[in-house]
Amino acid sequence: MPILQTNFKLNVPSAEYQAMCKSLADTFAAVPGLQWKIWLFNEQENEAGGIYLFNSHQGLHDFLAGPIVSQLKGHPGFRDITVKVFEVMDEVTRVTRGPVSATAAAQ
């Protein structure tokens, strides 16, 4: 199962960013192949990001090539954007109770 990690610096006030997140949560929830997203925010460092679990590499690829990522990269409110892809280490993640569902692990 692929994991996507994004991080970026904010060029907007934290209240504006948090309002954007609330307005976009349903859009992210509807992404095909996305099992879950954890929203990250460090107000002191003016930095945000996310951790995403996809049920397939194709779903992750489609997301990275799609409009959400394109809009993120072109948005003037964000800078220093990093996007990294990782694989879940299933066995040890289960031991440490990582939020990987049995359904997602079977795919």
PDB file of N, CA and C in Angstrom:
ATOM      1  N   MET A   1       0.844  -1.182   0.000  1.00  0.00           N
ATOM      2  CA  MET A   1       0.000   0.000   0.000  1.00  0.00           C
ATOM      3  C   MET A   1       0.884   1.239   0.000  1.00  0.00           C
ATOM      4  N   PRO A   2       0.621   2.120  -0.909  1.00  0.00           N
ATOM      5  CA  PRO A   2       1.425   3.341  -0.958  1.00  0.00           C
ATOM      6  C   PRO A   2       0.911   4.423  -0.008  1.00  0.00           C
ATOM      7  N   ILE A   3       1.869   5.126   0.561  1.00  0.00           N
ATOM      8  CA  ILE A   3       1.601   6.288   1.418  1.00  0.00           C
ATOM      9  C   ILE A   3       2.176   7.504   0.700  1.00  0.00           C
ATOM     10  N   LEU A   4       1.433   8.575   0.724  1.00  0.00           N
ATOM     11  CA  LEU A   4       1.889   9.843   0.176  1.00  0.00           C
ATOM     12  C   LEU A   4       2.072  10.822   1.327  1.00  0.00           C
ATOM     13  N   GLN A   5       3.194  11.532   1.326  1.00  0.00           N
ATOM     14  CA  GLN A   5       3.444  12.575   2.320  1.00  0.00           C
ATOM     15  C   GLN A   5       3.633  13.893   1.590  1.00  0.00           C
ATOM     16  N   THR A   6       2.865  14.901   1.975  1.00  0.00           N
ATOM     17  CA  THR A   6       3.043  16.237   1.411  1.00  0.00           C
ATOM     18  C   THR A   6       3.349  17.211   2.542  1.00  0.00           C
ATOM     19  N   ASN A   7       4.193  18.176   2.238  1.00  0.00           N
ATOM     20  CA  ASN A   7       4.501  19.255   3.179  1.00  0.00           C
ATOM     21  C   ASN A   7       4.662  20.539   2.390  1.00  0.00           C
ATOM     22  N   PHE A   8       4.313  21.656   3.003  1.00  0.00           N
ATOM     23  CA  PHE A   8       4.475  22.948   2.341  1.00  0.00           C
ATOM     24  C   PHE A   8       4.419  24.051   3.377  1.00  0.00           C
ATOM     25  N   LYS A   9       5.002  25.176   3.015  1.00  0.00           N
ATOM     26  CA  LYS A   9       4.930  26.390   3.829  1.00  0.00           C
ATOM     27  C   LYS A   9       3.714  27.187   3.380  1.00  0.00           C
ATOM     28  N   LEU A  10       3.131  27.929   4.306  1.00  0.00           N
ATOM     29  CA  LEU A  10       1.933  28.714   4.017  1.00  0.00           C
ATOM     30  C   LEU A  10       2.277  30.178   3.763  1.00  0.00           C
ATOM     31  N   ASN A  11       1.617  30.741   2.765  1.00  0.00           N
ATOM     32  CA  ASN A  11       1.690  32.171   2.488  1.00  0.00           C
ATOM     33  C   ASN A  11       0.385  32.860   2.873  1.00  0.00           C
ATOM     34  N   VAL A  12      -0.442  32.178   3.640  1.00  0.00           N
ATOM     35  CA  VAL A  12      -1.733  32.722   4.066  1.00  0.00           C
ATOM     36  C   VAL A  12      -1.840  32.595   5.580  1.00  0.00           C
ATOM     37  N   PRO A  13      -2.674  33.413   6.209  1.00  0.00           N
ATOM     38  CA  PRO A  13      -2.872  33.288   7.657  1.00  0.00           C
ATOM     39  C   PRO A  13      -3.470  31.923   8.017  1.00  0.00           C
ATOM     40  N   SER A  14      -3.163  31.464   9.219  1.00  0.00           N
ATOM     41  CA  SER A  14      -3.616  30.134   9.631  1.00  0.00           C
ATOM     42  C   SER A  14      -5.136  29.986   9.586  1.00  0.00           C
ATOM     43  N   ALA A  15      -5.878  31.016   9.952  1.00  0.00           N
ATOM     44  CA  ALA A  15      -7.343  30.925   9.916  1.00  0.00           C
ATOM     45  C   ALA A  15      -7.839  30.719   8.488  1.00  0.00           C
ATOM     46  N   GLU A  16      -7.212  31.385   7.545  1.00  0.00           N
ATOM     47  CA  GLU A  16      -7.599  31.209   6.145  1.00  0.00           C
ATOM     48  C   GLU A  16      -7.277  29.789   5.673  1.00  0.00           C
ATOM     49  N   TYR A  17      -6.122  29.279   6.062  1.00  0.00           N
ATOM     50  CA  TYR A  17      -5.755  27.911   5.677  1.00  0.00           C
ATOM     51  C   TYR A  17      -6.734  26.897   6.278  1.00  0.00           C
ATOM     52  N   GLN A  18      -7.052  27.059   7.555  1.00  0.00           N
ATOM     53  CA  GLN A  18      -7.973  26.122   8.205  1.00  0.00           C
ATOM     54  C   GLN A  18      -9.355  26.164   7.551  1.00  0.00           C
ATOM     55  N   ALA A  19      -9.802  27.331   7.144  1.00  0.00           N
ATOM     56  CA  ALA A  19     -11.083  27.445   6.433  1.00  0.00           C
ATOM     57  C   ALA A  19     -11.017  26.722   5.088  1.00  0.00           C
ATOM     58  N   MET A  20      -9.885  26.842   4.393  1.00  0.00           N
ATOM     59  CA  MET A  20      -9.700  26.119   3.124  1.00  0.00           C
ATOM     60  C   MET A  20      -9.800  24.619   3.344  1.00  0.00           C
ATOM     61  N   CYS A  21      -9.154  24.144   4.395  1.00  0.00           N
ATOM     62  CA  CYS A  21      -9.175  22.708   4.691  1.00  0.00           C
ATOM     63  C   CYS A  21     -10.597  22.219   4.920  1.00  0.00           C
ATOM     64  N   LYS A  22     -11.356  22.952   5.708  1.00  0.00           N
ATOM     65  CA  LYS A  22     -12.750  22.561   5.975  1.00  0.00           C
ATOM     66  C   LYS A  22     -13.557  22.506   4.688  1.00  0.00           C
ATOM     67  N   SER A  23     -13.325  23.447   3.795  1.00  0.00           N
ATOM     68  CA  SER A  23     -14.096  23.466   2.551  1.00  0.00           C
ATOM     69  C   SER A  23     -13.661  22.362   1.587  1.00  0.00           C
ATOM     70  N   LEU A  24     -12.473  21.823   1.764  1.00  0.00           N
ATOM     71  CA  LEU A  24     -11.957  20.798   0.855  1.00  0.00           C
ATOM     72  C   LEU A  24     -12.041  19.370   1.389  1.00  0.00           C
ATOM     73  N   ALA A  25     -12.401  19.199   2.636  1.00  0.00           N
ATOM     74  CA  ALA A  25     -12.390  17.860   3.240  1.00  0.00           C
ATOM     75  C   ALA A  25     -13.248  16.870   2.454  1.00  0.00           C
ATOM     76  N   ASP A  26     -14.436  17.264   2.034  1.00  0.00           N
ATOM     77  CA  ASP A  26     -15.303  16.352   1.283  1.00  0.00           C
ATOM     78  C   ASP A  26     -14.707  16.017  -0.079  1.00  0.00           C
ATOM     79  N   THR A  27     -14.008  16.956  -0.682  1.00  0.00           N
ATOM     80  CA  THR A  27     -13.356  16.711  -1.967  1.00  0.00           C
ATOM     81  C   THR A  27     -12.293  15.620  -1.813  1.00  0.00           C
ATOM     82  N   PHE A  28     -11.491  15.718  -0.762  1.00  0.00           N
ATOM     83  CA  PHE A  28     -10.482  14.692  -0.518  1.00  0.00           C
ATOM     84  C   PHE A  28     -11.128  13.356  -0.165  1.00  0.00           C
ATOM     85  N   ALA A  29     -12.191  13.391   0.597  1.00  0.00           N
ATOM     86  CA  ALA A  29     -12.876  12.151   0.982  1.00  0.00           C
ATOM     87  C   ALA A  29     -13.398  11.395  -0.232  1.00  0.00           C
ATOM     88  N   ALA A  30     -13.660  12.090  -1.311  1.00  0.00           N
ATOM     89  CA  ALA A  30     -14.210  11.473  -2.522  1.00  0.00           C
ATOM     90  C   ALA A  30     -13.136  11.017  -3.518  1.00  0.00           C
ATOM     91  N   VAL A  31     -11.863  11.180  -3.199  1.00  0.00           N
ATOM     92  CA  VAL A  31     -10.796  10.783  -4.127  1.00  0.00           C
ATOM     93  C   VAL A  31     -10.821   9.260  -4.280  1.00  0.00           C
ATOM     94  N   PRO A  32     -10.941   8.771  -5.510  1.00  0.00           N
ATOM     95  CA  PRO A  32     -10.948   7.313  -5.728  1.00  0.00           C
ATOM     96  C   PRO A  32      -9.637   6.678  -5.255  1.00  0.00           C
ATOM     97  N   GLY A  33      -9.769   5.605  -4.506  1.00  0.00           N
ATOM     98  CA  GLY A  33      -8.605   4.868  -4.027  1.00  0.00           C
ATOM     99  C   GLY A  33      -7.983   5.392  -2.751  1.00  0.00           C
ATOM    100  N   LEU A  34      -8.420   6.547  -2.264  1.00  0.00           N
ATOM    101  CA  LEU A  34      -7.874   7.099  -1.019  1.00  0.00           C
ATOM    102  C   LEU A  34      -8.572   6.437   0.162  1.00  0.00           C
ATOM    103  N   GLN A  35      -7.797   5.753   0.998  1.00  0.00           N
ATOM    104  CA  GLN A  35      -8.345   5.113   2.195  1.00  0.00           C
ATOM    105  C   GLN A  35      -8.571   6.146   3.306  1.00  0.00           C
ATOM    106  N   TRP A  36      -7.571   7.015   3.497  1.00  0.00           N
ATOM    107  CA  TRP A  36      -7.685   8.076   4.490  1.00  0.00           C
ATOM    108  C   TRP A  36      -6.619   9.134   4.258  1.00  0.00           C
ATOM    109  N   LYS A  37      -6.857  10.268   4.852  1.00  0.00           N
ATOM    110  CA  LYS A  37      -5.889  11.365   4.858  1.00  0.00           C
ATOM    111  C   LYS A  37      -5.802  11.910   6.278  1.00  0.00           C
ATOM    112  N   ILE A  38      -4.585  12.145   6.730  1.00  0.00           N
ATOM    113  CA  ILE A  38      -4.352  12.826   8.000  1.00  0.00           C
ATOM    114  C   ILE A  38      -3.835  14.215   7.654  1.00  0.00           C
ATOM    115  N   TRP A  39      -4.524  15.230   8.147  1.00  0.00           N
ATOM    116  CA  TRP A  39      -4.170  16.627   7.875  1.00  0.00           C
ATOM    117  C   TRP A  39      -3.150  17.079   8.908  1.00  0.00           C
ATOM    118  N   LEU A  40      -2.066  17.692   8.465  1.00  0.00           N
ATOM    119  CA  LEU A  40      -0.996  18.150   9.351  1.00  0.00           C
ATOM    120  C   LEU A  40      -0.929  19.671   9.358  1.00  0.00           C
ATOM    121  N   PHE A  41      -0.634  20.232  10.527  1.00  0.00           N
ATOM    122  CA  PHE A  41      -0.540  21.684  10.634  1.00  0.00           C
ATOM    123  C   PHE A  41       0.372  22.049  11.792  1.00  0.00           C
ATOM    124  N   ASN A  42       1.370  22.888  11.507  1.00  0.00           N
ATOM    125  CA  ASN A  42       2.276  23.399  12.520  1.00  0.00           C
ATOM    126  C   ASN A  42       2.190  24.916  12.443  1.00  0.00           C
ATOM    127  N   GLU A  43       1.343  25.482  13.273  1.00  0.00           N
ATOM    128  CA  GLU A  43       1.085  26.924  13.215  1.00  0.00           C
ATOM    129  C   GLU A  43       2.331  27.742  13.517  1.00  0.00           C
ATOM    130  N   GLN A  44       3.153  27.301  14.467  1.00  0.00           N
ATOM    131  CA  GLN A  44       4.364  28.054  14.813  1.00  0.00           C
ATOM    132  C   GLN A  44       5.327  28.168  13.640  1.00  0.00           C
ATOM    133  N   GLU A  45       5.430  27.118  12.853  1.00  0.00           N
ATOM    134  CA  GLU A  45       6.347  27.103  11.711  1.00  0.00           C
ATOM    135  C   GLU A  45       5.660  27.536  10.413  1.00  0.00           C
ATOM    136  N   ASN A  46       4.360  27.809  10.495  1.00  0.00           N
ATOM    137  CA  ASN A  46       3.576  28.196   9.316  1.00  0.00           C
ATOM    138  C   ASN A  46       3.716  27.142   8.209  1.00  0.00           C
ATOM    139  N   GLU A  47       3.580  25.880   8.621  1.00  0.00           N
ATOM    140  CA  GLU A  47       3.778  24.746   7.729  1.00  0.00           C
ATOM    141  C   GLU A  47       2.592  23.787   7.861  1.00  0.00           C
ATOM    142  N   ALA A  48       2.271  23.129   6.764  1.00  0.00           N
ATOM    143  CA  ALA A  48       1.165  22.177   6.767  1.00  0.00           C
ATOM    144  C   ALA A  48       1.503  21.028   5.829  1.00  0.00           C
ATOM    145  N   GLY A  49       0.608  20.063   5.785  1.00  0.00           N
ATOM    146  CA  GLY A  49       0.809  18.930   4.895  1.00  0.00           C
ATOM    147  C   GLY A  49      -0.221  17.858   5.145  1.00  0.00           C
ATOM    148  N   GLY A  50       0.092  16.671   4.662  1.00  0.00           N
ATOM    149  CA  GLY A  50      -0.823  15.566   4.835  1.00  0.00           C
ATOM    150  C   GLY A  50      -0.127  14.233   4.652  1.00  0.00           C
ATOM    151  N   ILE A  51      -0.737  13.213   5.242  1.00  0.00           N
ATOM    152  CA  ILE A  51      -0.314  11.833   5.068  1.00  0.00           C
ATOM    153  C   ILE A  51      -1.528  11.105   4.500  1.00  0.00           C
ATOM    154  N   TYR A  52      -1.350  10.418   3.381  1.00  0.00           N
ATOM    155  CA  TYR A  52      -2.447   9.784   2.661  1.00  0.00           C
ATOM    156  C   TYR A  52      -2.148   8.301   2.482  1.00  0.00           C
ATOM    157  N   LEU A  53      -3.126   7.457   2.685  1.00  0.00           N
ATOM    158  CA  LEU A  53      -2.996   6.031   2.400  1.00  0.00           C
ATOM    159  C   LEU A  53      -3.895   5.705   1.214  1.00  0.00           C
ATOM    160  N   PHE A  54      -3.296   5.132   0.174  1.00  0.00           N
ATOM    161  CA  PHE A  54      -4.044   4.720  -1.005  1.00  0.00           C
ATOM    162  C   PHE A  54      -4.132   3.202  -1.055  1.00  0.00           C
ATOM    163  N   ASN A  55      -5.189   2.686  -1.674  1.00  0.00           N
ATOM    164  CA  ASN A  55      -5.351   1.239  -1.751  1.00  0.00           C
ATOM    165  C   ASN A  55      -4.608   0.638  -2.938  1.00  0.00           C
ATOM    166  N   SER A  56      -4.038   1.483  -3.812  1.00  0.00           N
ATOM    167  CA  SER A  56      -3.282   0.972  -4.950  1.00  0.00           C
ATOM    168  C   SER A  56      -2.334   2.044  -5.472  1.00  0.00           C
ATOM    169  N   HIS A  57      -1.335   1.581  -6.198  1.00  0.00           N
ATOM    170  CA  HIS A  57      -0.412   2.518  -6.838  1.00  0.00           C
ATOM    171  C   HIS A  57      -1.121   3.303  -7.941  1.00  0.00           C
ATOM    172  N   GLN A  58      -2.082   2.671  -8.591  1.00  0.00           N
ATOM    173  CA  GLN A  58      -2.823   3.368  -9.637  1.00  0.00           C
ATOM    174  C   GLN A  58      -3.625   4.526  -9.051  1.00  0.00           C
ATOM    175  N   GLY A  59      -4.274   4.300  -7.910  1.00  0.00           N
ATOM    176  CA  GLY A  59      -5.021   5.375  -7.257  1.00  0.00           C
ATOM    177  C   GLY A  59      -4.120   6.527  -6.876  1.00  0.00           C
ATOM    178  N   LEU A  60      -2.946   6.221  -6.360  1.00  0.00           N
ATOM    179  CA  LEU A  60      -1.979   7.263  -6.002  1.00  0.00           C
ATOM    180  C   LEU A  60      -1.515   8.009  -7.249  1.00  0.00           C
ATOM    181  N   HIS A  61      -1.185   7.265  -8.302  1.00  0.00           N
ATOM    182  CA  HIS A  61      -0.747   7.884  -9.552  1.00  0.00           C
ATOM    183  C   HIS A  61      -1.827   8.818 -10.104  1.00  0.00           C
ATOM    184  N   ASP A  62      -3.064   8.349 -10.111  1.00  0.00           N
ATOM    185  CA  ASP A  62      -4.168   9.165 -10.621  1.00  0.00           C
ATOM    186  C   ASP A  62      -4.333  10.444  -9.797  1.00  0.00           C
ATOM    187  N   PHE A  63      -4.185  10.327  -8.487  1.00  0.00           N
ATOM    188  CA  PHE A  63      -4.289  11.487  -7.618  1.00  0.00           C
ATOM    189  C   PHE A  63      -3.174  12.496  -7.921  1.00  0.00           C
ATOM    190  N   LEU A  64      -1.937  12.000  -8.035  1.00  0.00           N
ATOM    191  CA  LEU A  64      -0.807  12.889  -8.301  1.00  0.00           C
ATOM    192  C   LEU A  64      -0.930  13.578  -9.655  1.00  0.00           C
ATOM    193  N   ALA A  65      -1.568  12.915 -10.610  1.00  0.00           N
ATOM    194  CA  ALA A  65      -1.736  13.490 -11.949  1.00  0.00           C
ATOM    195  C   ALA A  65      -3.019  14.308 -12.078  1.00  0.00           C
ATOM    196  N   GLY A  66      -3.800  14.363 -11.011  1.00  0.00           N
ATOM    197  CA  GLY A  66      -5.121  14.986 -11.071  1.00  0.00           C
ATOM    198  C   GLY A  66      -5.162  16.447 -10.670  1.00  0.00           C
ATOM    199  N   PRO A  67      -6.371  16.982 -10.638  1.00  0.00           N
ATOM    200  CA  PRO A  67      -6.552  18.419 -10.414  1.00  0.00           C
ATOM    201  C   PRO A  67      -6.219  18.909  -9.006  1.00  0.00           C
ATOM    202  N   ILE A  68      -6.386  18.085  -7.985  1.00  0.00           N
ATOM    203  CA  ILE A  68      -6.110  18.560  -6.618  1.00  0.00           C
ATOM    204  C   ILE A  68      -4.629  18.895  -6.467  1.00  0.00           C
ATOM    205  N   VAL A  69      -3.764  17.995  -6.887  1.00  0.00           N
ATOM    206  CA  VAL A  69      -2.322  18.228  -6.754  1.00  0.00           C
ATOM    207  C   VAL A  69      -1.892  19.375  -7.660  1.00  0.00           C
ATOM    208  N   SER A  70      -2.458  19.446  -8.844  1.00  0.00           N
ATOM    209  CA  SER A  70      -2.142  20.532  -9.761  1.00  0.00           C
ATOM    210  C   SER A  70      -2.495  21.888  -9.145  1.00  0.00           C
ATOM    211  N   GLN A  71      -3.661  21.962  -8.510  1.00  0.00           N
ATOM    212  CA  GLN A  71      -4.085  23.210  -7.869  1.00  0.00           C
ATOM    213  C   GLN A  71      -3.207  23.540  -6.664  1.00  0.00           C
ATOM    214  N   LEU A  72      -2.815  22.535  -5.910  1.00  0.00           N
ATOM    215  CA  LEU A  72      -1.919  22.751  -4.769  1.00  0.00           C
ATOM    216  C   LEU A  72      -0.603  23.357  -5.245  1.00  0.00           C
ATOM    217  N   LYS A  73      -0.018  22.768  -6.292  1.00  0.00           N
ATOM    218  CA  LYS A  73       1.269  23.246  -6.794  1.00  0.00           C
ATOM    219  C   LYS A  73       1.183  24.663  -7.356  1.00  0.00           C
ATOM    220  N   GLY A  74       0.029  25.039  -7.894  1.00  0.00           N
ATOM    221  CA  GLY A  74      -0.111  26.357  -8.484  1.00  0.00           C
ATOM    222  C   GLY A  74      -0.723  27.404  -7.575  1.00  0.00           C
ATOM    223  N   HIS A  75      -1.088  27.036  -6.365  1.00  0.00           N
ATOM    224  CA  HIS A  75      -1.764  27.958  -5.447  1.00  0.00           C
ATOM    225  C   HIS A  75      -0.762  28.951  -4.854  1.00  0.00           C
ATOM    226  N   PRO A  76      -1.061  30.237  -4.916  1.00  0.00           N
ATOM    227  CA  PRO A  76      -0.132  31.235  -4.366  1.00  0.00           C
ATOM    228  C   PRO A  76      -0.028  31.197  -2.842  1.00  0.00           C
ATOM    229  N   GLY A  77      -0.938  30.497  -2.179  1.00  0.00           N
ATOM    230  CA  GLY A  77      -0.906  30.414  -0.723  1.00  0.00           C
ATOM    231  C   GLY A  77       0.077  29.397  -0.187  1.00  0.00           C
ATOM    232  N   PHE A  78       0.726  28.623  -1.088  1.00  0.00           N
ATOM    233  CA  PHE A  78       1.643  27.569  -0.671  1.00  0.00           C
ATOM    234  C   PHE A  78       2.980  27.719  -1.371  1.00  0.00           C
ATOM    235  N   ARG A  79       4.057  27.358  -0.662  1.00  0.00           N
ATOM    236  CA  ARG A  79       5.390  27.380  -1.255  1.00  0.00           C
ATOM    237  C   ARG A  79       6.215  26.234  -0.664  1.00  0.00           C
ATOM    238  N   ASP A  80       7.346  25.974  -1.252  1.00  0.00           N
ATOM    239  CA  ASP A  80       8.262  24.919  -0.782  1.00  0.00           C
ATOM    240  C   ASP A  80       7.528  23.580  -0.617  1.00  0.00           C
ATOM    241  N   ILE A  81       6.805  23.205  -1.644  1.00  0.00           N
ATOM    242  CA  ILE A  81       5.985  21.990  -1.609  1.00  0.00           C
ATOM    243  C   ILE A  81       6.865  20.765  -1.841  1.00  0.00           C
ATOM    244  N   THR A  82       6.714  19.774  -0.969  1.00  0.00           N
ATOM    245  CA  THR A  82       7.374  18.486  -1.180  1.00  0.00           C
ATOM    246  C   THR A  82       6.308  17.400  -1.237  1.00  0.00           C
ATOM    247  N   VAL A  83       6.539  16.446  -2.122  1.00  0.00           N
ATOM    248  CA  VAL A  83       5.630  15.309  -2.307  1.00  0.00           C
ATOM    249  C   VAL A  83       6.502  14.065  -2.326  1.00  0.00           C
ATOM    250  N   LYS A  84       6.260  13.146  -1.394  1.00  0.00           N
ATOM    251  CA  LYS A  84       7.060  11.922  -1.294  1.00  0.00           C
ATOM    252  C   LYS A  84       6.138  10.710  -1.219  1.00  0.00           C
ATOM    253  N   VAL A  85       6.559   9.633  -1.861  1.00  0.00           N
ATOM    254  CA  VAL A  85       5.801   8.388  -1.864  1.00  0.00           C
ATOM    255  C   VAL A  85       6.598   7.338  -1.104  1.00  0.00           C
ATOM    256  N   PHE A  86       5.898   6.599  -0.248  1.00  0.00           N
ATOM    257  CA  PHE A  86       6.498   5.538   0.548  1.00  0.00           C
ATOM    258  C   PHE A  86       5.635   4.287   0.457  1.00  0.00           C
ATOM    259  N   GLU A  87       6.206   3.158   0.841  1.00  0.00           N
ATOM    260  CA  GLU A  87       5.457   1.918   1.006  1.00  0.00           C
ATOM    261  C   GLU A  87       5.265   1.670   2.494  1.00  0.00           C
ATOM    262  N   VAL A  88       4.116   1.121   2.857  1.00  0.00           N
ATOM    263  CA  VAL A  88       3.855   0.747   4.242  1.00  0.00           C
ATOM    264  C   VAL A  88       4.593  -0.554   4.544  1.00  0.00           C
ATOM    265  N   MET A  89       5.279  -0.585   5.656  1.00  0.00           N
ATOM    266  CA  MET A  89       5.901  -1.816   6.142  1.00  0.00           C
ATOM    267  C   MET A  89       4.842  -2.523   6.989  1.00  0.00           C
ATOM    268  N   ASP A  90       4.051  -3.377   6.322  1.00  0.00           N
ATOM    269  CA  ASP A  90       2.841  -3.956   6.910  1.00  0.00           C
ATOM    270  C   ASP A  90       3.053  -4.652   8.251  1.00  0.00           C
ATOM    271  N   GLU A  91       4.007  -5.545   8.309  1.00  0.00           N
ATOM    272  CA  GLU A  91       4.168  -6.376   9.497  1.00  0.00           C
ATOM    273  C   GLU A  91       4.430  -5.544  10.759  1.00  0.00           C
ATOM    274  N   VAL A  92       5.396  -4.656  10.692  1.00  0.00           N
ATOM    275  CA  VAL A  92       5.724  -3.870  11.884  1.00  0.00           C
ATOM    276  C   VAL A  92       4.686  -2.779  12.140  1.00  0.00           C
ATOM    277  N   THR A  93       4.020  -2.307  11.089  1.00  0.00           N
ATOM    278  CA  THR A  93       2.958  -1.316  11.279  1.00  0.00           C
ATOM    279  C   THR A  93       1.800  -1.920  12.065  1.00  0.00           C
ATOM    280  N   ARG A  94       1.462  -3.178  11.788  1.00  0.00           N
ATOM    281  CA  ARG A  94       0.387  -3.842  12.555  1.00  0.00           C
ATOM    282  C   ARG A  94       0.781  -3.969  14.026  1.00  0.00           C
ATOM    283  N   VAL A  95       2.037  -4.294  14.287  1.00  0.00           N
ATOM    284  CA  VAL A  95       2.507  -4.455  15.664  1.00  0.00           C
ATOM    285  C   VAL A  95       2.351  -3.150  16.436  1.00  0.00           C
ATOM    286  N   THR A  96       2.630  -2.038  15.789  1.00  0.00           N
ATOM    287  CA  THR A  96       2.558  -0.741  16.467  1.00  0.00           C
ATOM    288  C   THR A  96       1.205  -0.048  16.264  1.00  0.00           C
ATOM    289  N   ARG A  97       0.207  -0.818  15.841  1.00  0.00           N
ATOM    290  CA  ARG A  97      -1.173  -0.361  15.699  1.00  0.00           C
ATOM    291  C   ARG A  97      -1.326   0.815  14.729  1.00  0.00           C
ATOM    292  N   GLY A  98      -0.558   0.814  13.654  1.00  0.00           N
ATOM    293  CA  GLY A  98      -0.689   1.840  12.620  1.00  0.00           C
ATOM    294  C   GLY A  98      -2.095   1.806  12.039  1.00  0.00           C
ATOM    295  N   PRO A  99      -2.616   2.943  11.617  1.00  0.00           N
ATOM    296  CA  PRO A  99      -4.001   3.018  11.150  1.00  0.00           C
ATOM    297  C   PRO A  99      -4.197   2.445   9.750  1.00  0.00           C
ATOM    298  N   VAL A 100      -3.775   1.191   9.589  1.00  0.00           N
ATOM    299  CA  VAL A 100      -3.927   0.502   8.311  1.00  0.00           C
ATOM    300  C   VAL A 100      -4.962  -0.589   8.524  1.00  0.00           C
ATOM    301  N   SER A 101      -6.086  -0.435   7.846  1.00  0.00           N
ATOM    302  CA  SER A 101      -7.181  -1.376   8.051  1.00  0.00           C
ATOM    303  C   SER A 101      -6.865  -2.724   7.403  1.00  0.00           C
ATOM    304  N   ALA A 102      -7.502  -3.772   7.890  1.00  0.00           N
ATOM    305  CA  ALA A 102      -7.342  -5.102   7.298  1.00  0.00           C
ATOM    306  C   ALA A 102      -7.815  -5.095   5.842  1.00  0.00           C
ATOM    307  N   THR A 103      -8.866  -4.358   5.551  1.00  0.00           N
ATOM    308  CA  THR A 103      -9.374  -4.280   4.190  1.00  0.00           C
ATOM    309  C   THR A 103      -8.333  -3.655   3.266  1.00  0.00           C
ATOM    310  N   ALA A 104      -7.730  -2.573   3.695  1.00  0.00           N
ATOM    311  CA  ALA A 104      -6.719  -1.898   2.880  1.00  0.00           C
ATOM    312  C   ALA A 104      -5.503  -2.802   2.721  1.00  0.00           C
ATOM    313  N   ALA A 105      -5.124  -3.516   3.780  1.00  0.00           N
ATOM    314  CA  ALA A 105      -3.937  -4.360   3.723  1.00  0.00           C
ATOM    315  C   ALA A 105      -4.129  -5.525   2.774  1.00  0.00           C
ATOM    316  N   ALA A 106      -5.364  -5.977   2.581  1.00  0.00           N
ATOM    317  CA  ALA A 106      -5.640  -7.103   1.712  1.00  0.00           C
ATOM    318  C   ALA A 106      -5.620  -6.719   0.239  1.00  0.00           C
ATOM    319  N   GLN A 107      -5.675  -5.447  -0.072  1.00  0.00           N
ATOM    320  CA  GLN A 107      -5.750  -5.017  -1.472  1.00  0.00           C
ATOM    321  C   GLN A 107      -4.404  -4.905  -2.115  1.00  0.00           C
TER     322      GLN A 107
END
